[in-house]
Amino acid sequence: MGTLSILGRVTSINVRKVMWTCDLIGIGYEVEIWGMPHRDPRAPEFLKLNPNAQVPVIIDDGFVLWESNAIMRYLSESRRSGLWPVAVKERGLVDQWLTWQVAELNAQWGYAVYALMRKNPAYTDETRIADSIRNWTARMQILEAQLTAGGGFAANGRLSIADIGLAVSTHRWFSTPFDKPELPAVTEHYERLKATAEGQKYMSADTP
């Protein structure tokens, strides 16, 4: 295959998911930095690639694709990686938790992250902060139960792209300062993946 280009910035949680997937599969890639404060994705040349003005976008030998989870699936499938199972039921479980990461887990943290981690002065409503934390915590407890039942992995008892997505989300959980319940399975999963070469690159203090 030709050169794979990733358009985005490493400070984006969704770009990191894609880069981590590439690293695990062994896909060579070049990064074209897009995203504020570097390069505005609302520029016409970027909007031609992704009308949503969001990173990441990949260009794989001329093929353009956006949405991080779709990119992770595509890369794992096109390179025949074990990160994306062949068996349809196993694949369904990986897809379930990868979709849950975006639709349920990530959807809860917005207000708390802007208020407590990013210190955005527009996010000071204590009730909304508390609601965000409560809803976020409830989803993390769901993840705790799944990791406990699944032997430390999101699905099928082995590493998949779902674990990559969940790990970067968990990194944001631990990077946001507030009192958290004990979640031993989540903590073990996080520390295990963070200890890998890729985890050290994508789950650092510079990439909360």
N, C-alpha and C. Protein backbone atom coordinates (compact mmCIF):
# COMPACT_ATOMS: atom_id res chain seq x y z
N MET A 1 0.84 -1.19 0.00
CA MET A 1 0.00 0.00 0.00
C MET A 1 0.87 1.25 0.00
N GLY A 2 0.28 2.38 -0.41
CA GLY A 2 1.00 3.63 -0.42
C GLY A 2 1.10 4.22 0.97
N THR A 3 1.54 5.46 1.03
CA THR A 3 1.74 6.13 2.31
C THR A 3 0.41 6.45 2.98
N LEU A 4 0.35 6.21 4.28
CA LEU A 4 -0.80 6.57 5.07
C LEU A 4 -0.53 7.91 5.73
N SER A 5 -1.44 8.85 5.56
CA SER A 5 -1.33 10.16 6.21
C SER A 5 -2.43 10.27 7.26
N ILE A 6 -2.05 10.77 8.43
CA ILE A 6 -3.01 11.06 9.50
C ILE A 6 -3.04 12.56 9.68
N LEU A 7 -4.21 13.13 9.50
CA LEU A 7 -4.39 14.57 9.67
C LEU A 7 -4.98 14.80 11.05
N GLY A 8 -4.25 15.50 11.90
CA GLY A 8 -4.71 15.75 13.26
C GLY A 8 -3.57 16.22 14.14
N ARG A 9 -3.77 16.13 15.45
CA ARG A 9 -2.75 16.54 16.43
C ARG A 9 -2.79 15.54 17.58
N VAL A 10 -1.64 15.25 18.13
CA VAL A 10 -1.53 14.20 19.13
C VAL A 10 -2.26 14.56 20.43
N THR A 11 -2.54 15.83 20.65
CA THR A 11 -3.29 16.22 21.84
C THR A 11 -4.77 15.88 21.74
N SER A 12 -5.23 15.45 20.57
CA SER A 12 -6.61 15.00 20.40
C SER A 12 -6.73 13.54 20.81
N ILE A 13 -7.67 13.25 21.70
CA ILE A 13 -7.87 11.88 22.16
C ILE A 13 -8.21 10.95 20.99
N ASN A 14 -8.93 11.45 20.01
CA ASN A 14 -9.33 10.60 18.89
C ASN A 14 -8.20 10.37 17.90
N VAL A 15 -7.31 11.32 17.78
CA VAL A 15 -6.13 11.12 16.93
C VAL A 15 -5.20 10.09 17.59
N ARG A 16 -5.06 10.17 18.90
CA ARG A 16 -4.19 9.22 19.60
C ARG A 16 -4.68 7.78 19.43
N LYS A 17 -5.99 7.57 19.43
CA LYS A 17 -6.53 6.23 19.21
C LYS A 17 -6.06 5.66 17.87
N VAL A 18 -6.08 6.49 16.86
CA VAL A 18 -5.70 6.06 15.51
C VAL A 18 -4.20 5.80 15.44
N MET A 19 -3.39 6.70 16.00
CA MET A 19 -1.95 6.52 15.97
C MET A 19 -1.54 5.27 16.74
N TRP A 20 -2.18 5.03 17.88
CA TRP A 20 -1.88 3.85 18.69
C TRP A 20 -2.23 2.58 17.91
N THR A 21 -3.35 2.59 17.23
CA THR A 21 -3.74 1.44 16.40
C THR A 21 -2.68 1.18 15.33
N CYS A 22 -2.24 2.22 14.66
CA CYS A 22 -1.20 2.07 13.63
C CYS A 22 0.07 1.49 14.23
N ASP A 23 0.46 2.00 15.38
CA ASP A 23 1.70 1.52 16.02
C ASP A 23 1.61 0.04 16.36
N LEU A 24 0.47 -0.40 16.89
CA LEU A 24 0.33 -1.80 17.27
C LEU A 24 0.32 -2.72 16.05
N ILE A 25 -0.29 -2.27 14.97
CA ILE A 25 -0.34 -3.09 13.76
C ILE A 25 0.99 -3.07 13.03
N GLY A 26 1.74 -1.97 13.20
CA GLY A 26 3.00 -1.81 12.50
C GLY A 26 2.85 -1.07 11.19
N ILE A 27 1.88 -0.17 11.12
CA ILE A 27 1.63 0.61 9.92
C ILE A 27 2.48 1.88 9.98
N GLY A 28 3.28 2.11 8.96
CA GLY A 28 4.00 3.37 8.86
C GLY A 28 3.05 4.50 8.46
N TYR A 29 3.28 5.68 8.99
CA TYR A 29 2.39 6.80 8.66
C TYR A 29 3.13 8.12 8.83
N GLU A 30 2.59 9.12 8.19
CA GLU A 30 3.08 10.48 8.39
C GLU A 30 1.94 11.31 8.96
N VAL A 31 2.27 12.26 9.80
CA VAL A 31 1.26 13.10 10.44
C VAL A 31 1.30 14.49 9.81
N GLU A 32 0.14 14.95 9.39
CA GLU A 32 -0.03 16.32 8.93
C GLU A 32 -0.83 17.04 10.01
N ILE A 33 -0.21 17.99 10.68
CA ILE A 33 -0.83 18.60 11.86
C ILE A 33 -1.99 19.51 11.47
N TRP A 34 -3.15 19.14 11.99
CA TRP A 34 -4.37 19.94 11.85
C TRP A 34 -5.07 19.98 13.20
N GLY A 35 -5.85 21.00 13.42
CA GLY A 35 -6.58 21.16 14.66
C GLY A 35 -6.04 22.35 15.44
N MET A 36 -6.93 23.04 16.09
CA MET A 36 -6.54 24.23 16.84
C MET A 36 -5.70 23.83 18.05
N PRO A 37 -4.70 24.65 18.41
CA PRO A 37 -4.42 26.00 17.91
C PRO A 37 -3.44 26.02 16.75
N HIS A 38 -3.22 24.90 16.09
CA HIS A 38 -2.19 24.83 15.05
C HIS A 38 -2.73 25.24 13.68
N ARG A 39 -3.70 24.47 13.19
CA ARG A 39 -4.24 24.70 11.86
C ARG A 39 -5.73 24.50 11.91
N ASP A 40 -6.47 25.48 11.47
CA ASP A 40 -7.92 25.48 11.62
C ASP A 40 -8.56 24.48 10.67
N PRO A 41 -9.24 23.45 11.21
CA PRO A 41 -9.87 22.46 10.34
C PRO A 41 -11.10 22.99 9.59
N ARG A 42 -11.46 24.24 9.86
CA ARG A 42 -12.55 24.85 9.09
C ARG A 42 -12.06 25.44 7.77
N ALA A 43 -10.76 25.29 7.50
CA ALA A 43 -10.21 25.76 6.23
C ALA A 43 -10.83 24.96 5.08
N PRO A 44 -11.07 25.61 3.96
CA PRO A 44 -11.73 24.93 2.83
C PRO A 44 -11.04 23.64 2.41
N GLU A 45 -9.71 23.59 2.44
CA GLU A 45 -9.01 22.38 1.99
C GLU A 45 -9.27 21.21 2.93
N PHE A 46 -9.46 21.51 4.23
CA PHE A 46 -9.76 20.43 5.16
C PHE A 46 -11.22 20.02 5.07
N LEU A 47 -12.11 20.99 4.91
CA LEU A 47 -13.54 20.69 4.81
C LEU A 47 -13.85 19.82 3.60
N LYS A 48 -13.03 19.89 2.57
CA LYS A 48 -13.22 19.00 1.42
C LYS A 48 -13.00 17.54 1.81
N LEU A 49 -12.17 17.34 2.83
CA LEU A 49 -11.89 15.99 3.30
C LEU A 49 -12.90 15.55 4.35
N ASN A 50 -13.22 16.45 5.27
CA ASN A 50 -14.20 16.15 6.33
C ASN A 50 -15.06 17.37 6.56
N PRO A 51 -16.31 17.36 6.10
CA PRO A 51 -17.18 18.52 6.24
C PRO A 51 -17.54 18.84 7.69
N ASN A 52 -17.21 17.95 8.62
CA ASN A 52 -17.47 18.19 10.04
C ASN A 52 -16.39 19.03 10.70
N ALA A 53 -15.29 19.27 10.00
CA ALA A 53 -14.17 20.06 10.54
C ALA A 53 -13.61 19.45 11.82
N GLN A 54 -13.49 18.12 11.82
CA GLN A 54 -12.99 17.40 12.99
C GLN A 54 -11.81 16.52 12.60
N VAL A 55 -10.87 16.38 13.52
CA VAL A 55 -9.79 15.42 13.35
C VAL A 55 -10.11 14.17 14.16
N PRO A 56 -9.57 13.02 13.74
CA PRO A 56 -8.64 12.79 12.64
C PRO A 56 -9.32 12.52 11.32
N VAL A 57 -8.51 12.68 10.27
CA VAL A 57 -8.84 12.19 8.93
C VAL A 57 -7.62 11.39 8.48
N ILE A 58 -7.85 10.30 7.78
CA ILE A 58 -6.71 9.60 7.16
C ILE A 58 -6.86 9.65 5.65
N ILE A 59 -5.71 9.62 5.00
CA ILE A 59 -5.66 9.45 3.55
C ILE A 59 -4.76 8.24 3.31
N ASP A 60 -5.35 7.16 2.87
CA ASP A 60 -4.65 5.90 2.68
C ASP A 60 -4.57 5.58 1.19
N ASP A 61 -3.44 5.95 0.60
CA ASP A 61 -3.25 5.72 -0.84
C ASP A 61 -4.41 6.33 -1.64
N GLY A 62 -4.80 7.53 -1.24
CA GLY A 62 -5.86 8.26 -1.94
C GLY A 62 -7.24 8.09 -1.35
N PHE A 63 -7.42 7.09 -0.48
CA PHE A 63 -8.72 6.84 0.15
C PHE A 63 -8.85 7.69 1.40
N VAL A 64 -9.91 8.49 1.48
CA VAL A 64 -10.13 9.42 2.60
C VAL A 64 -11.18 8.84 3.54
N LEU A 65 -10.87 8.89 4.85
CA LEU A 65 -11.81 8.37 5.84
C LEU A 65 -11.72 9.22 7.09
N TRP A 66 -12.88 9.52 7.70
CA TRP A 66 -12.92 10.23 8.98
C TRP A 66 -13.80 9.46 9.95
N GLU A 67 -13.82 9.92 11.20
CA GLU A 67 -14.39 9.27 12.38
C GLU A 67 -13.41 8.23 12.91
N SER A 68 -12.89 8.50 14.11
CA SER A 68 -11.77 7.72 14.63
C SER A 68 -12.08 6.22 14.75
N ASN A 69 -13.26 5.87 15.22
CA ASN A 69 -13.56 4.45 15.38
C ASN A 69 -13.68 3.75 14.03
N ALA A 70 -14.25 4.43 13.06
CA ALA A 70 -14.32 3.86 11.70
C ALA A 70 -12.91 3.66 11.15
N ILE A 71 -12.03 4.61 11.43
CA ILE A 71 -10.64 4.50 10.97
C ILE A 71 -9.95 3.31 11.63
N MET A 72 -10.16 3.14 12.94
CA MET A 72 -9.55 2.01 13.66
C MET A 72 -10.03 0.68 13.08
N ARG A 73 -11.31 0.58 12.81
CA ARG A 73 -11.84 -0.65 12.22
C ARG A 73 -11.25 -0.90 10.84
N TYR A 74 -11.21 0.15 10.04
CA TYR A 74 -10.70 0.03 8.68
C TYR A 74 -9.24 -0.41 8.67
N LEU A 75 -8.42 0.23 9.49
CA LEU A 75 -7.00 -0.11 9.51
C LEU A 75 -6.79 -1.56 9.97
N SER A 76 -7.53 -1.96 11.00
CA SER A 76 -7.39 -3.32 11.52
C SER A 76 -7.87 -4.36 10.52
N GLU A 77 -8.93 -4.03 9.78
CA GLU A 77 -9.47 -4.95 8.78
C GLU A 77 -8.58 -5.00 7.55
N SER A 78 -8.18 -3.86 7.05
CA SER A 78 -7.42 -3.82 5.80
C SER A 78 -6.03 -4.42 5.95
N ARG A 79 -5.48 -4.38 7.18
CA ARG A 79 -4.17 -4.97 7.44
C ARG A 79 -4.29 -6.34 8.12
N ARG A 80 -5.51 -6.86 8.21
CA ARG A 80 -5.78 -8.17 8.79
C ARG A 80 -5.16 -8.32 10.18
N SER A 81 -5.44 -7.35 11.02
CA SER A 81 -4.90 -7.35 12.37
C SER A 81 -5.81 -8.09 13.33
N GLY A 82 -5.20 -8.78 14.29
CA GLY A 82 -5.98 -9.46 15.32
C GLY A 82 -6.68 -8.52 16.27
N LEU A 83 -6.41 -7.21 16.15
CA LEU A 83 -7.11 -6.24 16.97
C LEU A 83 -8.59 -6.15 16.61
N TRP A 84 -8.96 -6.68 15.46
CA TRP A 84 -10.34 -6.66 14.94
C TRP A 84 -10.68 -8.09 14.53
N PRO A 85 -11.43 -8.83 15.37
CA PRO A 85 -11.60 -10.26 15.15
C PRO A 85 -12.25 -10.61 13.82
N VAL A 86 -12.00 -11.84 13.39
CA VAL A 86 -12.64 -12.37 12.18
C VAL A 86 -14.02 -12.92 12.51
N ALA A 87 -14.13 -13.64 13.63
CA ALA A 87 -15.42 -14.23 14.01
C ALA A 87 -16.44 -13.15 14.27
N VAL A 88 -17.61 -13.28 13.67
CA VAL A 88 -18.57 -12.18 13.67
C VAL A 88 -19.08 -11.85 15.07
N LYS A 89 -19.27 -12.83 15.93
CA LYS A 89 -19.75 -12.54 17.28
C LYS A 89 -18.67 -11.86 18.11
N GLU A 90 -17.45 -12.32 17.96
CA GLU A 90 -16.34 -11.66 18.67
C GLU A 90 -16.19 -10.22 18.18
N ARG A 91 -16.30 -10.04 16.87
CA ARG A 91 -16.20 -8.70 16.30
C ARG A 91 -17.33 -7.82 16.83
N GLY A 92 -18.51 -8.38 16.93
CA GLY A 92 -19.64 -7.62 17.45
C GLY A 92 -19.39 -7.10 18.86
N LEU A 93 -18.77 -7.91 19.71
CA LEU A 93 -18.48 -7.48 21.08
C LEU A 93 -17.44 -6.36 21.11
N VAL A 94 -16.41 -6.49 20.27
CA VAL A 94 -15.42 -5.41 20.19
C VAL A 94 -16.08 -4.13 19.72
N ASP A 95 -16.92 -4.25 18.69
CA ASP A 95 -17.61 -3.08 18.15
C ASP A 95 -18.54 -2.47 19.19
N GLN A 96 -19.20 -3.31 19.96
CA GLN A 96 -20.10 -2.83 21.01
C GLN A 96 -19.38 -1.92 21.98
N TRP A 97 -18.22 -2.36 22.47
CA TRP A 97 -17.52 -1.56 23.48
C TRP A 97 -16.79 -0.36 22.87
N LEU A 98 -16.37 -0.48 21.62
CA LEU A 98 -15.78 0.67 20.96
C LEU A 98 -16.83 1.75 20.72
N THR A 99 -18.03 1.33 20.33
CA THR A 99 -19.13 2.28 20.14
C THR A 99 -19.57 2.87 21.47
N TRP A 100 -19.64 2.05 22.50
CA TRP A 100 -20.01 2.51 23.84
C TRP A 100 -19.05 3.59 24.34
N GLN A 101 -17.78 3.42 24.02
CA GLN A 101 -16.78 4.40 24.45
C GLN A 101 -17.12 5.81 23.97
N VAL A 102 -17.59 5.92 22.74
CA VAL A 102 -17.94 7.24 22.19
C VAL A 102 -19.34 7.66 22.61
N ALA A 103 -20.29 6.75 22.47
CA ALA A 103 -21.70 7.13 22.65
C ALA A 103 -22.10 7.30 24.10
N GLU A 104 -21.52 6.51 25.01
CA GLU A 104 -21.94 6.53 26.41
C GLU A 104 -20.87 7.12 27.34
N LEU A 105 -19.66 6.60 27.24
CA LEU A 105 -18.62 7.03 28.18
C LEU A 105 -18.15 8.45 27.91
N ASN A 106 -17.67 8.71 26.70
CA ASN A 106 -17.12 10.03 26.40
C ASN A 106 -18.16 11.13 26.47
N ALA A 107 -19.40 10.77 26.26
CA ALA A 107 -20.47 11.78 26.25
C ALA A 107 -20.70 12.40 27.62
N GLN A 108 -20.19 11.79 28.67
CA GLN A 108 -20.50 12.24 30.03
C GLN A 108 -19.51 13.25 30.59
N TRP A 109 -18.31 13.26 30.10
CA TRP A 109 -17.26 13.99 30.82
C TRP A 109 -17.12 15.45 30.44
N GLY A 110 -17.77 15.90 29.37
CA GLY A 110 -17.51 17.22 28.80
C GLY A 110 -17.44 18.35 29.81
N TYR A 111 -18.50 18.52 30.57
CA TYR A 111 -18.55 19.68 31.47
C TYR A 111 -17.48 19.57 32.55
N ALA A 112 -17.31 18.40 33.12
CA ALA A 112 -16.32 18.23 34.19
C ALA A 112 -14.91 18.47 33.68
N VAL A 113 -14.60 17.98 32.50
CA VAL A 113 -13.25 18.16 31.95
C VAL A 113 -12.97 19.64 31.69
N TYR A 114 -13.91 20.35 31.09
CA TYR A 114 -13.69 21.76 30.82
C TYR A 114 -13.59 22.57 32.11
N ALA A 115 -14.33 22.16 33.11
CA ALA A 115 -14.32 22.90 34.37
C ALA A 115 -13.09 22.60 35.22
N LEU A 116 -12.76 21.32 35.37
CA LEU A 116 -11.77 20.91 36.36
C LEU A 116 -10.38 20.70 35.80
N MET A 117 -10.29 20.25 34.56
CA MET A 117 -8.98 20.00 33.97
C MET A 117 -8.52 21.18 33.12
N ARG A 118 -9.42 21.68 32.28
CA ARG A 118 -9.03 22.76 31.37
C ARG A 118 -9.26 24.15 31.97
N LYS A 119 -9.95 24.19 33.10
CA LYS A 119 -10.17 25.46 33.82
C LYS A 119 -10.79 26.53 32.93
N ASN A 120 -11.72 26.13 32.10
CA ASN A 120 -12.40 27.06 31.21
C ASN A 120 -13.36 27.92 32.04
N PRO A 121 -13.22 29.25 32.02
CA PRO A 121 -14.06 30.10 32.86
C PRO A 121 -15.55 30.07 32.52
N ALA A 122 -15.90 29.49 31.38
CA ALA A 122 -17.31 29.38 31.01
C ALA A 122 -17.98 28.18 31.67
N TYR A 123 -17.20 27.36 32.37
CA TYR A 123 -17.72 26.12 32.96
C TYR A 123 -17.54 26.17 34.48
N THR A 124 -18.44 26.88 35.13
CA THR A 124 -18.32 27.05 36.59
C THR A 124 -19.59 26.66 37.34
N ASP A 125 -20.58 26.13 36.66
CA ASP A 125 -21.83 25.75 37.29
C ASP A 125 -21.61 24.48 38.12
N GLU A 126 -21.67 24.62 39.44
CA GLU A 126 -21.36 23.49 40.32
C GLU A 126 -22.34 22.34 40.14
N THR A 127 -23.59 22.65 39.85
CA THR A 127 -24.58 21.59 39.64
C THR A 127 -24.25 20.79 38.40
N ARG A 128 -23.88 21.47 37.34
CA ARG A 128 -23.55 20.77 36.09
C ARG A 128 -22.25 19.99 36.22
N ILE A 129 -21.31 20.52 36.97
CA ILE A 129 -20.07 19.77 37.24
C ILE A 129 -20.40 18.48 37.97
N ALA A 130 -21.23 18.59 39.01
CA ALA A 130 -21.61 17.41 39.79
C ALA A 130 -22.37 16.40 38.95
N ASP A 131 -23.25 16.87 38.08
CA ASP A 131 -24.01 15.97 37.21
C ASP A 131 -23.06 15.23 36.25
N SER A 132 -22.11 15.97 35.69
CA SER A 132 -21.16 15.37 34.77
C SER A 132 -20.33 14.30 35.47
N ILE A 133 -19.86 14.60 36.66
CA ILE A 133 -19.06 13.64 37.42
C ILE A 133 -19.90 12.40 37.77
N ARG A 134 -21.14 12.61 38.20
CA ARG A 134 -22.00 11.48 38.57
C ARG A 134 -22.26 10.57 37.36
N ASN A 135 -22.58 11.16 36.24
CA ASN A 135 -22.86 10.37 35.05
C ASN A 135 -21.60 9.67 34.52
N TRP A 136 -20.49 10.36 34.59
CA TRP A 136 -19.21 9.80 34.16
C TRP A 136 -18.85 8.61 35.05
N THR A 137 -19.00 8.81 36.35
CA THR A 137 -18.67 7.74 37.31
C THR A 137 -19.54 6.51 37.08
N ALA A 138 -20.81 6.72 36.79
CA ALA A 138 -21.71 5.59 36.56
C ALA A 138 -21.24 4.76 35.36
N ARG A 139 -20.76 5.43 34.30
CA ARG A 139 -20.26 4.69 33.14
C ARG A 139 -18.95 3.99 33.45
N MET A 140 -18.10 4.61 34.25
CA MET A 140 -16.85 3.96 34.62
C MET A 140 -17.10 2.72 35.48
N GLN A 141 -18.17 2.75 36.24
CA GLN A 141 -18.53 1.56 37.02
C GLN A 141 -19.03 0.43 36.12
N ILE A 142 -19.69 0.78 35.03
CA ILE A 142 -20.06 -0.22 34.02
C ILE A 142 -18.80 -0.83 33.42
N LEU A 143 -17.83 0.01 33.10
CA LEU A 143 -16.57 -0.48 32.55
C LEU A 143 -15.85 -1.37 33.56
N GLU A 144 -15.87 -0.99 34.83
CA GLU A 144 -15.26 -1.81 35.88
C GLU A 144 -15.85 -3.22 35.88
N ALA A 145 -17.15 -3.31 35.80
CA ALA A 145 -17.81 -4.62 35.80
C ALA A 145 -17.42 -5.43 34.57
N GLN A 146 -17.34 -4.78 33.42
CA GLN A 146 -16.99 -5.50 32.20
C GLN A 146 -15.56 -6.01 32.24
N LEU A 147 -14.63 -5.18 32.68
CA LEU A 147 -13.23 -5.59 32.74
C LEU A 147 -13.03 -6.71 33.77
N THR A 148 -13.78 -6.64 34.85
CA THR A 148 -13.71 -7.70 35.86
C THR A 148 -14.19 -9.02 35.28
N ALA A 149 -15.33 -8.98 34.60
CA ALA A 149 -15.90 -10.20 34.02
C ALA A 149 -15.08 -10.71 32.84
N GLY A 150 -14.40 -9.79 32.13
CA GLY A 150 -13.69 -10.16 30.90
C GLY A 150 -12.23 -10.47 31.08
N GLY A 151 -11.79 -10.66 32.32
CA GLY A 151 -10.40 -11.02 32.54
C GLY A 151 -9.42 -9.91 32.22
N GLY A 152 -9.88 -8.67 32.37
CA GLY A 152 -8.98 -7.54 32.17
C GLY A 152 -8.97 -6.95 30.78
N PHE A 153 -9.86 -7.42 29.91
CA PHE A 153 -9.99 -6.88 28.56
C PHE A 153 -11.45 -6.52 28.29
N ALA A 154 -11.65 -5.66 27.31
CA ALA A 154 -13.01 -5.22 27.00
C ALA A 154 -13.87 -6.34 26.43
N ALA A 155 -13.25 -7.21 25.63
CA ALA A 155 -14.03 -8.25 24.95
C ALA A 155 -13.14 -9.43 24.59
N ASN A 156 -13.72 -10.61 24.66
CA ASN A 156 -13.11 -11.83 24.14
C ASN A 156 -11.83 -12.26 24.85
N GLY A 157 -11.52 -11.64 25.98
CA GLY A 157 -10.37 -12.05 26.76
C GLY A 157 -9.02 -11.71 26.15
N ARG A 158 -8.98 -10.77 25.20
CA ARG A 158 -7.70 -10.39 24.60
C ARG A 158 -7.78 -8.95 24.09
N LEU A 159 -6.60 -8.40 23.81
CA LEU A 159 -6.49 -7.01 23.39
C LEU A 159 -7.18 -6.77 22.05
N SER A 160 -7.90 -5.66 21.96
CA SER A 160 -8.55 -5.28 20.72
C SER A 160 -8.57 -3.75 20.62
N ILE A 161 -9.08 -3.25 19.51
CA ILE A 161 -9.17 -1.80 19.36
C ILE A 161 -10.11 -1.20 20.40
N ALA A 162 -11.02 -1.97 20.95
CA ALA A 162 -11.88 -1.45 22.02
C ALA A 162 -11.04 -1.07 23.24
N ASP A 163 -10.02 -1.87 23.55
CA ASP A 163 -9.16 -1.57 24.69
C ASP A 163 -8.38 -0.27 24.46
N ILE A 164 -7.96 -0.03 23.23
CA ILE A 164 -7.24 1.21 22.93
C ILE A 164 -8.14 2.41 23.18
N GLY A 165 -9.36 2.36 22.64
CA GLY A 165 -10.30 3.46 22.85
C GLY A 165 -10.61 3.68 24.32
N LEU A 166 -10.83 2.60 25.04
CA LEU A 166 -11.16 2.72 26.46
C LEU A 166 -9.97 3.21 27.28
N ALA A 167 -8.77 2.83 26.88
CA ALA A 167 -7.58 3.26 27.63
C ALA A 167 -7.38 4.77 27.56
N VAL A 168 -7.55 5.36 26.38
CA VAL A 168 -7.36 6.81 26.30
C VAL A 168 -8.48 7.54 27.05
N SER A 169 -9.67 6.95 27.07
CA SER A 169 -10.76 7.54 27.85
C SER A 169 -10.46 7.43 29.35
N THR A 170 -9.93 6.30 29.77
CA THR A 170 -9.57 6.13 31.17
C THR A 170 -8.47 7.09 31.58
N HIS A 171 -7.55 7.35 30.65
CA HIS A 171 -6.49 8.32 30.93
C HIS A 171 -7.09 9.69 31.24
N ARG A 172 -8.12 10.06 30.52
CA ARG A 172 -8.78 11.34 30.79
C ARG A 172 -9.45 11.32 32.16
N TRP A 173 -10.02 10.18 32.54
CA TRP A 173 -10.63 10.01 33.85
C TRP A 173 -9.61 10.27 34.96
N PHE A 174 -8.46 9.64 34.86
CA PHE A 174 -7.43 9.80 35.89
C PHE A 174 -6.75 11.17 35.83
N SER A 175 -6.82 11.83 34.69
CA SER A 175 -6.17 13.14 34.53
C SER A 175 -7.03 14.29 35.03
N THR A 176 -8.31 14.04 35.28
CA THR A 176 -9.22 15.09 35.72
C THR A 176 -9.33 15.05 37.24
N PRO A 177 -9.03 16.16 37.93
CA PRO A 177 -8.96 16.14 39.39
C PRO A 177 -10.33 16.22 40.08
N PHE A 178 -10.77 15.10 40.63
CA PHE A 178 -11.93 15.06 41.52
C PHE A 178 -11.87 13.72 42.26
N ASP A 179 -12.63 13.60 43.33
CA ASP A 179 -12.62 12.37 44.12
C ASP A 179 -13.28 11.24 43.34
N LYS A 180 -12.59 10.12 43.25
CA LYS A 180 -13.06 9.00 42.44
C LYS A 180 -13.22 7.76 43.31
N PRO A 181 -14.17 6.91 42.98
CA PRO A 181 -14.30 5.64 43.69
C PRO A 181 -13.18 4.68 43.31
N GLU A 182 -12.97 3.66 44.11
CA GLU A 182 -12.00 2.63 43.78
C GLU A 182 -12.54 1.77 42.63
N LEU A 183 -11.76 1.67 41.58
CA LEU A 183 -12.12 0.84 40.42
C LEU A 183 -10.90 -0.01 40.09
N PRO A 184 -10.71 -1.11 40.80
CA PRO A 184 -9.47 -1.87 40.64
C PRO A 184 -9.25 -2.46 39.25
N ALA A 185 -10.29 -2.94 38.61
CA ALA A 185 -10.11 -3.53 37.28
C ALA A 185 -9.79 -2.45 36.25
N VAL A 186 -10.45 -1.30 36.36
CA VAL A 186 -10.14 -0.17 35.48
C VAL A 186 -8.70 0.28 35.69
N THR A 187 -8.30 0.39 36.94
CA THR A 187 -6.94 0.83 37.25
C THR A 187 -5.90 -0.14 36.71
N GLU A 188 -6.15 -1.44 36.87
CA GLU A 188 -5.20 -2.45 36.38
C GLU A 188 -5.10 -2.40 34.86
N HIS A 189 -6.23 -2.29 34.17
CA HIS A 189 -6.26 -2.19 32.71
C HIS A 189 -5.49 -0.96 32.26
N TYR A 190 -5.73 0.14 32.91
CA TYR A 190 -5.07 1.40 32.58
C TYR A 190 -3.56 1.31 32.78
N GLU A 191 -3.14 0.84 33.93
CA GLU A 191 -1.71 0.78 34.24
C GLU A 191 -0.99 -0.21 33.32
N ARG A 192 -1.65 -1.30 32.99
CA ARG A 192 -1.03 -2.30 32.11
C ARG A 192 -0.80 -1.74 30.72
N LEU A 193 -1.79 -1.04 30.18
CA LEU A 193 -1.64 -0.47 28.84
C LEU A 193 -0.73 0.75 28.86
N LYS A 194 -0.78 1.50 29.94
CA LYS A 194 0.08 2.68 30.06
C LYS A 194 1.55 2.28 30.12
N ALA A 195 1.85 1.09 30.61
CA ALA A 195 3.23 0.63 30.75
C ALA A 195 3.84 0.20 29.41
N THR A 196 3.02 0.03 28.37
CA THR A 196 3.55 -0.35 27.07
C THR A 196 4.21 0.84 26.39
N ALA A 197 4.98 0.58 25.36
CA ALA A 197 5.65 1.67 24.64
C ALA A 197 4.63 2.66 24.07
N GLU A 198 3.52 2.12 23.55
CA GLU A 198 2.49 2.99 22.98
C GLU A 198 1.77 3.77 24.08
N GLY A 199 1.48 3.10 25.18
CA GLY A 199 0.82 3.77 26.28
C GLY A 199 1.63 4.93 26.81
N GLN A 200 2.95 4.77 26.87
CA GLN A 200 3.81 5.84 27.34
C GLN A 200 3.77 7.04 26.40
N LYS A 201 3.56 6.78 25.10
CA LYS A 201 3.47 7.85 24.12
C LYS A 201 2.15 8.59 24.19
N TYR A 202 1.06 7.84 24.40
CA TYR A 202 -0.27 8.41 24.23
C TYR A 202 -1.05 8.63 25.52
N MET A 203 -0.49 8.23 26.64
CA MET A 203 -1.15 8.47 27.93
C MET A 203 -0.15 9.10 28.89
N SER A 204 0.28 10.29 28.55
CA SER A 204 1.24 11.02 29.37
C SER A 204 0.59 12.28 29.91
N ALA A 205 1.35 13.00 30.74
CA ALA A 205 0.86 14.27 31.28
C ALA A 205 0.65 15.30 30.17
N ASP A 206 1.33 15.11 29.05
CA ASP A 206 1.20 16.05 27.93
C ASP A 206 -0.01 15.75 27.06
N THR A 207 -0.63 14.58 27.26
CA THR A 207 -1.78 14.19 26.45
C THR A 207 -2.91 13.73 27.35
N PRO A 208 -3.51 14.66 28.12
CA PRO A 208 -4.56 14.26 29.08
C PRO A 208 -5.88 13.92 28.39
